Amino acid sequence: MVDSATRIWTAALVIIGDEILSGRTQDANLSYLGRWLNLQGVRLKEARVVPDDAQMIGNAVKACLAAHDYVFTTGGIGPTHDDITVDAVAAALDLPVIYHPEALAQLEHWYKGELTEARRRMARVPQGADLLPNPETGAPGIRLGRLFLMAGVPSITQGMLRGLDGTLAGGKPVETLAIGAWTPESRVADMLSDLQRANQDVQIGSYPFWREGRGGANFVLRAVDKEKLRTVRDMLLAQLREAGIDAVEGEI
């Protein structure tokens, strides 16, 4: 049996909405979810952006569920006609849609008796689902086993995720260290490749930048083993300096 502390747990995000694909709205949930999952010991391995199309939403969710331990969706669970995530997911998983009695009660309390038919839509869930508390607006998110349906508004998404802190099965949190250097990536490409090959348990990413009239790169190292992470960071820092490159701990 695989130890849950050494097993790599993975997740996917399905971002839903025509407004994302049109460029009208910029997604802010991907980076937050990735950081939040790292703290839970889960790695965000995939993200898909799909339009407000029931078939495409359902296909994306089913494919991600087959490939990962957890799947999160953002967008499309509000009160308007184009909020179709619940129906799309229910259809894809062959489940009926019901009004969750607890969700109705929460919405009734939140809107103080002014629960319109449009607002009632936010209590609809695939049968068998549990609720994710929403401290921002009262309209809950939805949990269906390994699947989490959340609102697209970043503050609401973040509130729902805070309610899940510490509740997911996962491995060790991923730690991160960085080095900033004033050098073009091409100059250190071989150095990075050799170091990566020799240390497969540490992920090394290179991110170029241009500022102050010159170019440089930040090298971000990620691993679950803190000691190994520091060792590889120190090795890379020493190699850069030995090559005459101005490099410092942390990003520039």
Protein backbone atom coordinates (compact mmCIF):
# COMPACT_ATOMS: atom_id res chain seq x y z
CA MET A 1 0.00 0.00 0.00
CA VAL A 2 1.35 3.44 -0.96
CA ASP A 3 2.10 5.72 1.98
CA SER A 4 -0.10 8.83 1.75
CA ALA A 5 2.90 10.94 2.76
CA THR A 6 4.98 9.80 -0.22
CA ARG A 7 2.24 9.36 -2.79
CA ILE A 8 1.82 12.26 -5.20
CA TRP A 9 -1.77 13.51 -5.09
CA THR A 10 -2.90 15.51 -8.12
CA ALA A 11 -5.70 17.86 -9.05
CA ALA A 12 -7.12 19.60 -12.11
CA LEU A 13 -8.99 22.86 -12.54
CA VAL A 14 -11.73 23.41 -15.10
CA ILE A 15 -12.28 27.14 -15.63
CA ILE A 16 -15.72 27.76 -17.10
CA GLY A 17 -16.97 30.84 -18.91
CA ASP A 18 -17.25 32.54 -22.26
CA GLU A 19 -16.00 35.72 -20.59
CA ILE A 20 -12.65 34.09 -19.82
CA LEU A 21 -12.13 32.88 -23.38
CA SER A 22 -13.20 36.21 -24.86
CA GLY A 23 -10.60 38.04 -22.78
CA ARG A 24 -13.17 40.22 -21.09
CA THR A 25 -12.41 38.67 -17.69
CA GLN A 26 -8.96 37.64 -16.52
CA ASP A 27 -8.87 34.47 -14.44
CA ALA A 28 -7.35 34.88 -10.99
CA ASN A 29 -8.30 31.53 -9.53
CA LEU A 30 -5.66 29.33 -11.16
CA SER A 31 -2.66 30.76 -9.34
CA TYR A 32 -4.49 30.91 -6.00
CA LEU A 33 -5.71 27.32 -6.28
CA GLY A 34 -2.23 26.11 -7.21
CA ARG A 35 -0.70 27.73 -4.14
CA TRP A 36 -3.52 26.55 -1.88
CA LEU A 37 -3.23 22.96 -3.12
CA ASN A 38 0.53 22.96 -2.49
CA LEU A 39 -0.20 23.64 1.17
CA GLN A 40 -2.63 20.71 1.20
CA GLY A 41 0.02 18.37 -0.23
CA VAL A 42 -1.74 18.20 -3.61
CA ARG A 43 -0.22 19.22 -6.94
CA LEU A 44 -2.23 21.07 -9.53
CA LYS A 45 -1.26 19.17 -12.68
CA GLU A 46 -3.77 20.38 -15.26
CA ALA A 47 -6.03 23.32 -16.08
CA ARG A 48 -8.62 23.59 -18.83
CA VAL A 49 -10.67 26.59 -19.94
CA VAL A 50 -14.03 25.76 -21.50
CA PRO A 51 -16.95 27.92 -22.68
CA ASP A 52 -20.50 27.92 -21.35
CA ASP A 53 -21.26 24.76 -23.27
CA ALA A 54 -22.81 21.85 -21.37
CA GLN A 55 -21.21 19.10 -23.45
CA MET A 56 -17.73 20.61 -23.22
CA ILE A 57 -18.07 21.20 -19.47
CA GLY A 58 -19.19 17.63 -18.89
CA ASN A 59 -16.48 16.14 -21.07
CA ALA A 60 -13.76 18.18 -19.36
CA VAL A 61 -14.93 17.23 -15.87
CA LYS A 62 -15.18 13.53 -16.69
CA ALA A 63 -11.74 13.47 -18.32
CA CYS A 64 -10.13 15.25 -15.37
CA LEU A 65 -11.84 12.98 -12.84
CA ALA A 66 -10.40 9.99 -14.68
CA ALA A 67 -6.89 11.43 -14.56
CA HIS A 68 -6.61 13.08 -11.13
CA ASP A 69 -7.46 12.65 -7.47
CA TYR A 70 -9.39 15.92 -7.25
CA VAL A 71 -11.14 18.18 -9.73
CA PHE A 72 -12.18 21.77 -9.13
CA THR A 73 -14.38 23.93 -11.34
CA THR A 74 -14.84 27.69 -11.18
CA GLY A 75 -17.70 29.59 -12.77
CA GLY A 76 -21.25 28.93 -13.82
CA ILE A 77 -23.05 28.23 -10.52
CA GLY A 78 -24.82 31.58 -10.16
CA PRO A 79 -28.47 32.63 -10.61
CA THR A 80 -28.58 33.48 -14.33
CA HIS A 81 -29.58 31.47 -17.40
CA ASP A 82 -25.98 30.96 -18.53
CA ASP A 83 -24.94 29.41 -15.20
CA ILE A 84 -25.13 25.83 -16.42
CA THR A 85 -22.31 24.08 -14.57
CA VAL A 86 -24.59 22.15 -12.20
CA ASP A 87 -26.77 20.84 -15.03
CA ALA A 88 -23.76 20.01 -17.21
CA VAL A 89 -21.96 18.09 -14.47
CA ALA A 90 -25.11 16.26 -13.38
CA ALA A 91 -25.82 15.18 -16.95
CA ALA A 92 -22.23 14.03 -17.48
CA LEU A 93 -22.34 11.93 -14.30
CA ASP A 94 -25.89 10.68 -14.97
CA LEU A 95 -27.34 12.28 -11.85
CA PRO A 96 -30.60 14.16 -11.35
CA VAL A 97 -30.54 17.79 -10.20
CA ILE A 98 -32.35 18.55 -6.94
CA TYR A 99 -32.85 21.52 -4.64
CA HIS A 100 -30.64 20.96 -1.61
CA PRO A 101 -32.76 21.71 1.48
CA GLU A 102 -29.84 23.09 3.48
CA ALA A 103 -28.84 25.36 0.61
CA LEU A 104 -32.41 26.66 0.36
CA ALA A 105 -32.40 27.39 4.09
CA GLN A 106 -29.09 29.22 3.87
CA LEU A 107 -30.27 31.33 0.95
CA GLU A 108 -33.57 32.08 2.67
CA HIS A 109 -31.66 33.33 5.70
CA TRP A 110 -29.18 35.32 3.59
CA TYR A 111 -31.82 37.08 1.49
CA LYS A 112 -34.15 37.54 4.48
CA GLY A 113 -37.31 36.28 2.82
CA GLU A 114 -36.58 37.73 -0.63
CA LEU A 115 -35.65 34.44 -2.23
CA THR A 116 -36.58 34.90 -5.87
CA GLU A 117 -36.75 32.05 -8.37
CA ALA A 118 -33.41 33.16 -9.82
CA ARG A 119 -31.80 33.02 -6.40
CA ARG A 120 -33.35 29.60 -5.74
CA ARG A 121 -31.31 28.32 -8.69
CA MET A 122 -28.22 28.59 -6.52
CA ALA A 123 -29.60 25.81 -4.28
CA ARG A 124 -29.65 23.30 -7.16
CA VAL A 125 -27.11 20.49 -6.88
CA PRO A 126 -26.46 17.08 -8.42
CA GLN A 127 -28.15 14.50 -6.22
CA GLY A 128 -25.87 13.24 -3.46
CA ALA A 129 -23.80 16.41 -3.28
CA ASP A 130 -22.62 18.17 -0.12
CA LEU A 131 -22.26 21.92 0.30
CA LEU A 132 -19.19 24.16 0.48
CA PRO A 133 -19.76 27.11 2.82
CA ASN A 134 -19.59 30.55 1.21
CA PRO A 135 -18.84 33.28 3.77
CA GLU A 136 -18.99 36.00 1.10
CA THR A 137 -22.52 35.78 -0.34
CA GLY A 138 -24.21 32.81 1.30
CA ALA A 139 -24.69 30.88 -1.96
CA PRO A 140 -22.85 27.60 -1.30
CA GLY A 141 -20.44 25.75 -3.48
CA ILE A 142 -20.88 22.06 -4.16
CA ARG A 143 -18.85 18.97 -3.32
CA LEU A 144 -19.52 15.68 -5.03
CA GLY A 145 -16.90 13.25 -3.77
CA ARG A 146 -13.62 14.27 -5.42
CA LEU A 147 -15.29 17.05 -7.41
CA PHE A 148 -15.69 20.62 -6.18
CA LEU A 149 -17.89 23.17 -7.99
CA MET A 150 -17.08 26.73 -6.99
CA ALA A 151 -18.03 30.25 -8.02
CA GLY A 152 -15.83 32.16 -10.44
CA VAL A 153 -15.53 35.35 -8.36
CA PRO A 154 -12.06 35.11 -6.77
CA SER A 155 -13.06 36.32 -3.29
CA ILE A 156 -15.86 33.74 -3.18
CA THR A 157 -13.61 30.97 -4.50
CA GLN A 158 -10.99 31.77 -1.89
CA GLY A 159 -13.57 31.74 0.91
CA MET A 160 -14.79 28.31 -0.17
CA LEU A 161 -11.22 26.98 -0.28
CA ARG A 162 -10.51 28.31 3.22
CA GLY A 163 -13.38 26.16 4.42
CA LEU A 164 -11.61 23.13 2.95
CA ASP A 165 -8.27 23.78 4.66
CA GLY A 166 -6.89 20.54 6.07
CA THR A 167 -9.79 18.37 4.87
CA LEU A 168 -8.25 16.82 1.74
CA ALA A 169 -6.13 13.70 1.78
CA GLY A 170 -2.72 14.65 0.42
CA GLY A 171 1.00 14.18 0.72
CA LYS A 172 3.71 16.47 1.97
CA PRO A 173 3.39 20.16 1.07
CA VAL A 174 5.57 21.33 -1.80
CA GLU A 175 8.29 23.73 -0.63
CA THR A 176 9.70 26.47 -2.85
CA LEU A 177 13.04 28.33 -2.97
CA ALA A 178 14.31 30.73 -5.62
CA ILE A 179 17.48 32.26 -7.02
CA GLY A 180 17.60 35.45 -9.03
CA ALA A 181 20.39 36.01 -11.55
CA TRP A 182 21.40 38.61 -14.09
CA THR A 183 22.00 36.26 -16.98
CA PRO A 184 20.24 35.21 -20.17
CA GLU A 185 18.72 31.72 -19.92
CA SER A 186 20.78 30.51 -22.88
CA ARG A 187 24.01 31.01 -20.94
CA VAL A 188 22.95 28.63 -18.15
CA ALA A 189 20.75 26.17 -20.07
CA ASP A 190 23.28 23.33 -19.91
CA MET A 191 23.99 24.02 -16.25
CA LEU A 192 20.29 23.79 -15.39
CA SER A 193 19.81 20.64 -17.46
CA ASP A 194 22.72 18.86 -15.78
CA LEU A 195 21.52 19.83 -12.31
CA GLN A 196 17.97 18.72 -13.09
CA ARG A 197 19.10 15.34 -14.41
CA ALA A 198 21.13 14.76 -11.25
CA ASN A 199 18.25 15.78 -8.94
CA GLN A 200 15.01 14.41 -10.34
CA ASP A 201 13.18 14.91 -7.04
CA VAL A 202 13.63 18.68 -7.26
CA GLN A 203 11.77 20.58 -9.95
CA ILE A 204 13.76 23.46 -11.44
CA GLY A 205 11.96 26.15 -13.39
CA SER A 206 13.52 29.08 -15.26
CA TYR A 207 11.61 32.35 -15.72
CA PRO A 208 13.28 35.12 -17.73
CA PHE A 209 12.70 38.83 -17.19
CA TRP A 210 13.86 42.15 -18.56
CA ARG A 211 14.27 45.19 -16.35
CA GLU A 212 16.72 47.99 -15.61
CA GLY A 213 17.78 47.79 -19.22
CA ARG A 214 19.07 44.23 -19.02
CA GLY A 215 17.86 40.69 -18.93
CA GLY A 216 17.94 38.08 -16.23
CA ALA A 217 16.15 35.00 -14.96
CA ASN A 218 14.65 33.72 -11.77
CA PHE A 219 15.18 30.05 -11.04
CA VAL A 220 12.45 28.51 -8.90
CA LEU A 221 13.09 25.18 -7.19
CA ARG A 222 10.28 23.02 -5.79
CA ALA A 223 10.40 19.82 -3.74
CA VAL A 224 8.78 18.13 -0.77
CA ASP A 225 12.14 17.46 0.92
CA LYS A 226 13.27 20.71 2.54
CA GLU A 227 16.86 19.60 3.11
CA LYS A 228 17.28 18.36 -0.46
CA LEU A 229 15.72 21.56 -1.73
CA ARG A 230 18.20 23.72 0.17
CA THR A 231 21.10 21.54 -0.98
CA VAL A 232 20.20 21.89 -4.65
CA ARG A 233 19.55 25.63 -4.22
CA ASP A 234 23.02 26.06 -2.72
CA MET A 235 24.58 23.98 -5.52
CA LEU A 236 22.97 26.11 -8.21
CA LEU A 237 23.89 29.33 -6.47
CA ALA A 238 27.53 28.22 -6.21
CA GLN A 239 27.66 27.13 -9.87
CA LEU A 240 26.22 30.45 -11.04
CA ARG A 241 28.72 32.47 -9.02
CA GLU A 242 31.62 30.27 -10.16
CA ALA A 243 30.59 31.10 -13.74
CA GLY A 244 30.90 34.79 -12.91
CA ILE A 245 27.13 35.41 -12.83
CA ASP A 246 25.62 37.88 -10.38
CA ALA A 247 23.14 35.69 -8.45
CA VAL A 248 21.28 36.09 -5.16
CA GLU A 249 18.94 34.03 -2.98
CA GLY A 250 15.31 34.89 -3.71
CA GLU A 251 13.76 36.31 -6.84
CA ILE A 252 14.98 39.56 -8.38
